[in-house]
Every structure is written in C-alpha cells, then in structure tokens.
C-alpha cells in the first residue's frame, strides 16, 4: 500500500521525527518557513514537509499517513497560497483533508480536531488574493528600493502598455535584483536575511506556527 502511494506521489514525505508537521507548497517555501521557524526558536518542535503543488496535496496527505513515524503526529499545519480566491483555496485544502480522513477545520488559522489536530493558513491572508511573494513584499515595503521598483513598473505600463501577469512575482524579482548579492529564490533570500521577520506582515504567520508548535507528543 505505502509503496503504491509513493509511486503515485513520486516524491514521498521524509520520515517523521517530530510531532508537529508543517506542510508547505514548494521547495522555496520549505526553506523560507524552515528559516522562520528557526528564527522564532521552535525548530526542535516543527518538521517542515514539502507537498510540492496544490494538485498534489491529497496524494501527499495519503502518503503522509502511512509514513514511518506518523503515529507520533499530534498536529498538522498546512500553508498554501490564496492565488485569486482565498475562499476557494481554503475549501480546496478542506476537501483534500476530508478525502484522506483528516479533520478539515472550519476556518483558517484555527487548529481543530484531535489526533492529529489540523490548521490551515492561507497566504497572504484568509481574506485577500495573493501568495507568499505578496507577504514577503509587504515585509520590505519600507525598503528604499521599493520606490524605484514601483517607478519602474509605472514606467513600464506607461511606455509599453503592458505589465507582467503576476505582479507580485515580478515585483519580488525586481526587489531581489536590487540587492548587493542577487538571489532569485524566496527561500535562499530568507536564509540571507532579505525578509523582515519583525514586520507586522508576518505576525499572523508566527502565531500560526507557534500554535502548531504548542502540542506535545502523546503519552505512550
């Protein structure tokens, strides 16, 4: 059974060694949230797993349940982008959880259920469209480079009458290009200290992670 699920998913979860599992979308998010977890001092309580893409979450959850060590899991946190519709994104995660017989919470950012309890965080928030890039941009909104970046896209729109389809992704790349050492990936940029973790933009993320880490290993 486990082998069949792994073949279907192609990239299985890593063996479980911590009771609180954080599932994130993509390698860059895996590095970024791992860096933030370390920054706020709960690295020894949360294990980060990369489920790769939204369409792969259901298979990943199926495989996670038969992964070595799942019997110690007491909490699962799932983070995904809102994209164009935060409500649709949240319902998509709830459906994946229900299809794998894990508790689907009734609202974002709140852990519900038991053994394991489950929470879902939608980025940049549960009430607006966007993505991880949106959150990172907000954390550096006071950076002096942002005026230049905004001017660049205003100029581009005026003179070429066109703009990138996903503006937050384009703006984040322009911001990264403004650094002394250019790094193109959000995760590596996090490791280099480019995102301002003390920004209010990350407050709800840190609350979610702290709540995830608050569970204890069940008594044997």
Protein backbone atom coordinates (compact mmCIF):
# COMPACT_ATOMS: atom_id res chain seq x y z
CA UNK A 1 0.00 0.00 0.00
CA UNK A 2 2.66 2.50 1.04
CA UNK A 3 4.81 1.73 -1.98
CA UNK A 4 1.86 2.25 -4.35
CA UNK A 5 1.11 5.63 -2.80
CA UNK A 6 4.74 6.66 -3.03
CA UNK A 7 4.86 5.74 -6.72
CA UNK A 8 1.69 7.75 -7.30
CA UNK A 9 3.06 10.79 -5.47
CA UNK A 10 6.60 10.29 -6.84
CA UNK A 11 8.14 12.35 -4.01
CA UNK A 12 7.09 10.86 -0.64
CA UNK A 13 7.27 12.69 2.69
CA UNK A 14 10.50 12.33 4.60
CA UNK A 15 10.41 10.06 7.67
CA UNK A 16 8.63 11.75 10.56
CA UNK A 17 10.67 12.59 13.64
CA UNK A 18 8.71 15.49 15.20
CA UNK A 19 5.08 15.51 16.41
CA UNK A 20 4.13 18.76 14.68
CA UNK A 21 4.16 18.65 10.89
CA UNK A 22 4.09 21.76 8.68
CA UNK A 23 3.15 21.10 5.06
CA UNK A 24 4.11 23.80 2.56
CA UNK A 25 3.88 24.37 -1.16
CA UNK A 26 7.25 24.03 -2.90
CA UNK A 27 10.93 23.87 -2.08
CA UNK A 28 11.34 27.64 -1.71
CA UNK A 29 8.52 27.79 0.83
CA UNK A 30 10.08 24.83 2.64
CA UNK A 31 13.34 26.75 3.07
CA UNK A 32 11.64 30.04 3.94
CA UNK A 33 9.38 28.64 6.65
CA UNK A 34 12.19 26.49 7.99
CA UNK A 35 14.23 29.68 8.36
CA UNK A 36 11.36 31.50 10.11
CA UNK A 37 10.75 28.56 12.46
CA UNK A 38 14.42 28.64 13.42
CA UNK A 39 14.27 32.42 13.88
CA UNK A 40 11.41 32.24 16.39
CA UNK A 41 13.04 29.38 18.30
CA UNK A 42 10.74 26.42 17.62
CA UNK A 43 12.90 24.44 15.20
CA UNK A 44 13.00 21.48 17.59
CA UNK A 45 9.19 21.24 17.60
CA UNK A 46 8.15 21.51 13.94
CA UNK A 47 9.17 19.43 10.95
CA UNK A 48 8.62 21.04 7.54
CA UNK A 49 7.40 18.90 4.64
CA UNK A 50 7.12 19.99 1.00
CA UNK A 51 3.93 18.77 -0.72
CA UNK A 52 5.10 20.43 -3.95
CA UNK A 53 1.87 21.72 -5.53
CA UNK A 54 -1.80 22.24 -4.73
CA UNK A 55 -2.94 19.43 -7.01
CA UNK A 56 -0.61 17.04 -5.21
CA UNK A 57 -1.74 17.78 -1.64
CA UNK A 58 -4.32 14.98 -1.49
CA UNK A 59 -1.84 12.28 -2.57
CA UNK A 60 0.76 13.73 -0.22
CA UNK A 61 -1.63 13.51 2.73
CA UNK A 62 -2.48 9.90 1.88
CA UNK A 63 1.21 9.06 1.82
CA UNK A 64 1.99 11.03 4.96
CA UNK A 65 -0.48 8.88 6.92
CA UNK A 66 1.49 5.73 6.08
CA UNK A 67 4.91 7.29 6.50
CA UNK A 68 7.19 5.98 9.22
CA UNK A 69 6.61 7.91 12.44
CA UNK A 70 3.07 9.14 11.73
CA UNK A 71 1.91 7.58 14.99
CA UNK A 72 3.66 10.38 16.93
CA UNK A 73 1.99 13.20 14.96
CA UNK A 74 -0.33 15.37 17.07
CA UNK A 75 -0.66 18.44 14.83
CA UNK A 76 -0.59 19.20 11.11
CA UNK A 77 -0.39 22.72 9.73
CA UNK A 78 -0.91 23.37 6.03
CA UNK A 79 0.15 26.58 4.29
CA UNK A 80 -0.86 27.44 0.74
CA UNK A 81 -1.32 30.50 -1.47
CA UNK A 82 -4.71 32.16 -1.85
CA UNK A 83 -3.94 32.89 -5.51
CA UNK A 84 -7.06 34.52 -6.98
CA UNK A 85 -9.54 33.44 -4.31
CA UNK A 86 -8.70 32.72 -0.66
CA UNK A 87 -12.04 31.05 0.00
CA UNK A 88 -11.57 28.62 -2.89
CA UNK A 89 -8.02 27.89 -1.74
CA UNK A 90 -9.21 27.10 1.79
CA UNK A 91 -12.02 24.86 0.56
CA UNK A 92 -9.56 23.02 -1.67
CA UNK A 93 -7.42 22.17 1.36
CA UNK A 94 -10.50 21.12 3.34
CA UNK A 95 -11.52 18.77 0.52
CA UNK A 96 -8.06 17.19 0.41
CA UNK A 97 -8.15 16.67 4.17
CA UNK A 98 -11.63 15.16 4.09
CA UNK A 99 -10.67 12.81 1.30
CA UNK A 100 -7.84 11.47 3.43
CA UNK A 101 -9.94 11.20 6.62
CA UNK A 102 -8.09 14.02 8.37
CA UNK A 103 -10.10 16.70 10.15
CA UNK A 104 -10.94 19.67 7.89
CA UNK A 105 -11.01 22.82 10.07
CA UNK A 106 -13.99 25.12 9.67
CA UNK A 107 -11.99 28.33 9.44
CA UNK A 108 -8.44 29.33 8.52
CA UNK A 109 -5.70 29.85 11.11
CA UNK A 110 -7.54 27.83 13.79
CA UNK A 111 -6.44 24.32 14.79
CA UNK A 112 -9.32 21.90 15.16
CA UNK A 113 -9.87 18.18 15.59
CA UNK A 114 -7.78 15.73 17.55
CA UNK A 115 -5.06 13.13 16.90
CA UNK A 116 -3.97 14.97 14.89
CA UNK A 117 -5.44 18.43 15.15
CA UNK A 118 -5.25 20.36 11.88
CA UNK A 119 -4.87 24.02 10.93
CA UNK A 120 -4.76 25.79 7.56
CA UNK A 121 -3.05 29.11 6.80
CA UNK A 122 -3.85 30.91 3.54
CA UNK A 123 -1.37 33.48 2.24
CA UNK A 124 -1.22 36.41 2.29
CA UNK A 125 -4.37 36.12 4.44
CA UNK A 126 -7.73 34.41 4.56
CA UNK A 127 -9.48 37.48 3.16
CA UNK A 128 -7.50 38.57 0.13
CA UNK A 129 -5.90 37.15 -3.02
CA UNK A 130 -2.16 36.78 -3.34
CA UNK A 131 0.66 34.46 -2.43
CA UNK A 132 3.85 34.03 -0.44
CA UNK A 133 5.51 36.68 -2.63
CA UNK A 134 2.81 39.15 -1.54
CA UNK A 135 3.69 38.53 2.10
CA UNK A 136 7.41 38.93 1.51
CA UNK A 137 6.86 42.19 -0.39
CA UNK A 138 4.85 43.60 2.50
CA UNK A 139 7.65 42.83 4.90
CA UNK A 140 10.03 45.06 2.90
CA UNK A 141 7.54 47.79 1.99
CA UNK A 142 9.69 50.37 3.82
CA UNK A 143 12.87 49.41 1.97
CA UNK A 144 14.25 52.33 -0.04
CA UNK A 145 14.42 50.18 -3.18
CA UNK A 146 10.64 49.84 -3.31
CA UNK A 147 10.11 53.37 -4.64
CA UNK A 148 12.44 52.60 -7.53
CA UNK A 149 10.66 49.32 -8.17
CA UNK A 150 7.24 50.97 -8.18
CA UNK A 151 8.53 53.69 -10.51
CA UNK A 152 9.89 51.04 -12.85
CA UNK A 153 6.56 49.29 -13.23
CA UNK A 154 4.72 52.61 -13.61
CA UNK A 155 7.13 53.49 -16.41
CA UNK A 156 6.72 50.08 -18.00
CA UNK A 157 2.95 50.41 -18.01
CA UNK A 158 3.08 53.91 -19.45
CA UNK A 159 5.53 53.24 -22.25
CA UNK A 160 4.87 49.62 -23.20
CA UNK A 161 1.20 49.45 -22.23
CA UNK A 162 1.79 46.05 -20.67
CA UNK A 163 2.61 44.55 -17.30
CA UNK A 164 3.56 41.05 -16.09
CA UNK A 165 0.57 38.80 -15.45
CA UNK A 166 1.53 38.15 -11.83
CA UNK A 167 2.71 41.47 -10.48
CA UNK A 168 3.81 40.29 -7.04
CA UNK A 169 6.13 37.72 -8.59
CA UNK A 170 7.56 40.40 -10.89
CA UNK A 171 7.99 42.89 -8.06
CA UNK A 172 9.71 40.34 -5.85
CA UNK A 173 12.20 39.56 -8.62
CA UNK A 174 12.87 43.27 -9.07
CA UNK A 175 13.44 43.60 -5.34
CA UNK A 176 15.85 40.66 -5.26
CA UNK A 177 17.71 42.15 -8.22
CA UNK A 178 18.24 45.31 -6.15
CA UNK A 179 20.30 43.51 -3.51
CA UNK A 180 24.09 43.59 -3.47
CA UNK A 181 24.06 39.80 -3.78
CA UNK A 182 21.27 38.81 -6.14
CA UNK A 183 19.32 35.70 -5.15
CA UNK A 184 16.34 34.67 -7.23
CA UNK A 185 14.55 32.26 -4.88
CA UNK A 186 12.45 33.26 -1.86
CA UNK A 187 13.88 30.53 0.35
CA UNK A 188 17.51 31.39 -0.26
CA UNK A 189 16.64 35.07 0.17
CA UNK A 190 15.15 34.20 3.56
CA UNK A 191 18.37 32.45 4.58
CA UNK A 192 20.28 35.60 3.56
CA UNK A 193 18.11 37.80 5.76
CA UNK A 194 16.30 39.68 3.00
CA UNK A 195 12.80 39.43 4.53
CA UNK A 196 11.96 41.47 7.62
CA UNK A 197 10.67 38.88 10.10
CA UNK A 198 9.75 41.60 12.60
CA UNK A 199 7.34 43.19 10.13
CA UNK A 200 3.62 43.05 11.07
CA UNK A 201 3.16 41.22 7.74
CA UNK A 202 4.44 38.05 9.40
CA UNK A 203 2.56 38.39 12.70
CA UNK A 204 -0.29 36.01 11.79
CA UNK A 205 2.19 33.53 10.33
CA UNK A 206 4.19 33.45 13.54
CA UNK A 207 1.01 33.00 15.57
CA UNK A 208 0.04 30.05 13.38
CA UNK A 209 3.46 28.43 13.72
CA UNK A 210 3.53 29.00 17.48
CA UNK A 211 0.10 27.39 17.79
CA UNK A 212 1.28 24.44 15.70
CA UNK A 213 4.30 24.03 17.98
CA UNK A 214 2.25 24.15 21.17
CA UNK A 215 1.22 20.50 21.00
CA UNK A 216 3.07 17.83 22.93
CA UNK A 217 3.96 14.28 22.00
CA UNK A 218 1.14 11.98 23.14
CA UNK A 219 1.75 9.84 26.20
CA UNK A 220 2.83 6.35 25.24
